[in-house]
Amino acid sequence: MRMAAIFGMNQIVSHGFGMFLFAALVPLMRESIALSHWHLAAIGALTQLAYLTGAMLLGLFGHRLGTARLALATGILSTSLLFTMSQLRDPLLIILVLTCLAAGAAISWGTIVEIISRCAKPEQRSTYLSTASSGTAWGYGLNGLLILLVVPVFGWQSGWQIAGVIGMLVVGLTWYLLNGIKKLPATKTDASESIIPASKLLATICGERTALLACLICFLVGFTTMPFSNWLNTYLDQLGLPAALGGYTWTLVGVTGMVAGLLTGRLADRRGHSVALLVIFSGFALGLLAFIYDPAHCALVAGFGYGMMYFPMWGILAGWIGQSYSSTATMQISGICMVTFGLGGTLGNLLAGYIREATGSLDAVYLVLTTAAHLLVILALWIRRTGPRVCPVQPLA
C-alpha cells in the first residue's frame, strides 16, 4: 500500500491544495487583497478551462513523456506555486498561478493512473487507484484543519506555506518511490500497440465500448456532482434550513471519501469493477432520492452517497479501463474522461442556472440531478450484464 499512500499524498497536494485551498482561504485573503467578484468569476472559469486543457494535453501527448519524470515535474511545480501564493498580492498573478495549479492537477492524476496501472499487481490495481484518488478527500479535511487551527493564529499566508511544506515532503517521497520501482513492461504486446496515436484517440473513444462508456460515465458524474456541490448551500438557504446543515453535510462528504477509496477499491478487485460501480452509483442515486423527498432530514444521507461515489470513482473507473488497455492507453483515455467530466459539469451548471432563473427555485434542479444519477445506475447494470465478462484477478497463493 506504500505506492497508493504516496500517490494519495500527491492528490492531497495537487487537488486538495492546488484546486480547493483557495476556495477555503478566499474570504480571509479578500481582507488584504482587492479580489473582486469579477476576479473570482475569472478564477472559476480559467481554472476549469486549465484543468480541461491539462487533461486534453495529457491524453494527446502524455505518452511521449516519461510519466515518472512528469509526476515529479508537476509535484515540484505545484509545490513552488503553493509557496508563491503566500507572497502574491496582485489579483492577476493569483489568477495565473491558480490556473497553472489546475492544469498541473489534471496532469498529475493522469501520471498516477499510468504508473499504478503499470506497476501495481493486477489483484491490487483498483484498490491502489481508488485509494490514491481519495487523497482529494483528505485534502478537504486538511484544508478544514488549516482554517480552524493554523490560519486564525498565523494568517492566511501560513495556509499556503504549510501546503508548500507538505508538497516538498510529498515530492521527496515520490522521488524515493519512483526511484525504487522496477521498470516492468506494461503489456506483453509490442510497445507500439500499447499507445493510442493522437490521430486515432477520438476514433477509439467513439468506437470502442469500454472507452466510450467510461467517458459517458464521467460526463454524467460531472453533470450530477458539480451542480450538486455548487448549488447545495443555496438550495438549503432557499428552503430556510440552517447554514450549519451544509457544513455538516460537507464534513460528512470528506470523511466518507477518506475511507471509501480503500473499501470500494478492494470490492472492485475482489468482486469486479461493475459491482463496485453499481454499489457506489446506487448509493449516490439513493442519497439524492432521499434528499429530494426530505431535504431537511436527508442532506447528510446525500452527502454520504456523494462522498462514497465521487472520490473513489476515478480509481475504480481507471482500473476498469486498465483491464482492456495498456497502462499508457489507460492514461490517455483517462485524460479524455476528465475532459468529458468537465463538459458534463459545465452543462449541468448552465442548466441549473437556467432552471433557477426560469422558475425561481432549485427544486427542479435536484430532480434532474437525481434522474441523471439513476442513469449511472442503469449504465452500471448494463456493464455488469452485457460484459465483456472480465473476472476479478485472484491473488497468487
Foldseek 3Di string as FASTA:
>chain_A
DLLLVLLLLVLLLLQLCLPPLCVLCVVQLVVQAVQDPVLVVLLVVLLLVLLLVLLQCCLAPVVVDDLLVLLLVLLVLSLVLLLVVLVDRDSVVVSVSSNSSSSSSNSNLLSSLLVLLQFPDQLCSLLSLLLSLLSSLVSNVVSVCCVVPPCVVPHPSVVSVVSSVSSVVSSVSSVVVVVPGDDDDQDPDDPVQQRDHSVCLVVCCVPPDLLVLLLVLLLLLLLQPLCCVVCVLVQCVVVVHDSVLVVVLQNLLSVLSNPLSNVLSNCCQAFNLLVSLLVLLVQQLVLLVVCLVPVRVRSNSNSNSNSNRDRSVLSSSLSVVSVPHTSSNSSSSSSSSSSSNSVSNVVNNVVQVVCCVVPVHNSVSSVVSSVSSVVSNVSSVCCVVVDVDDGRDDDDD
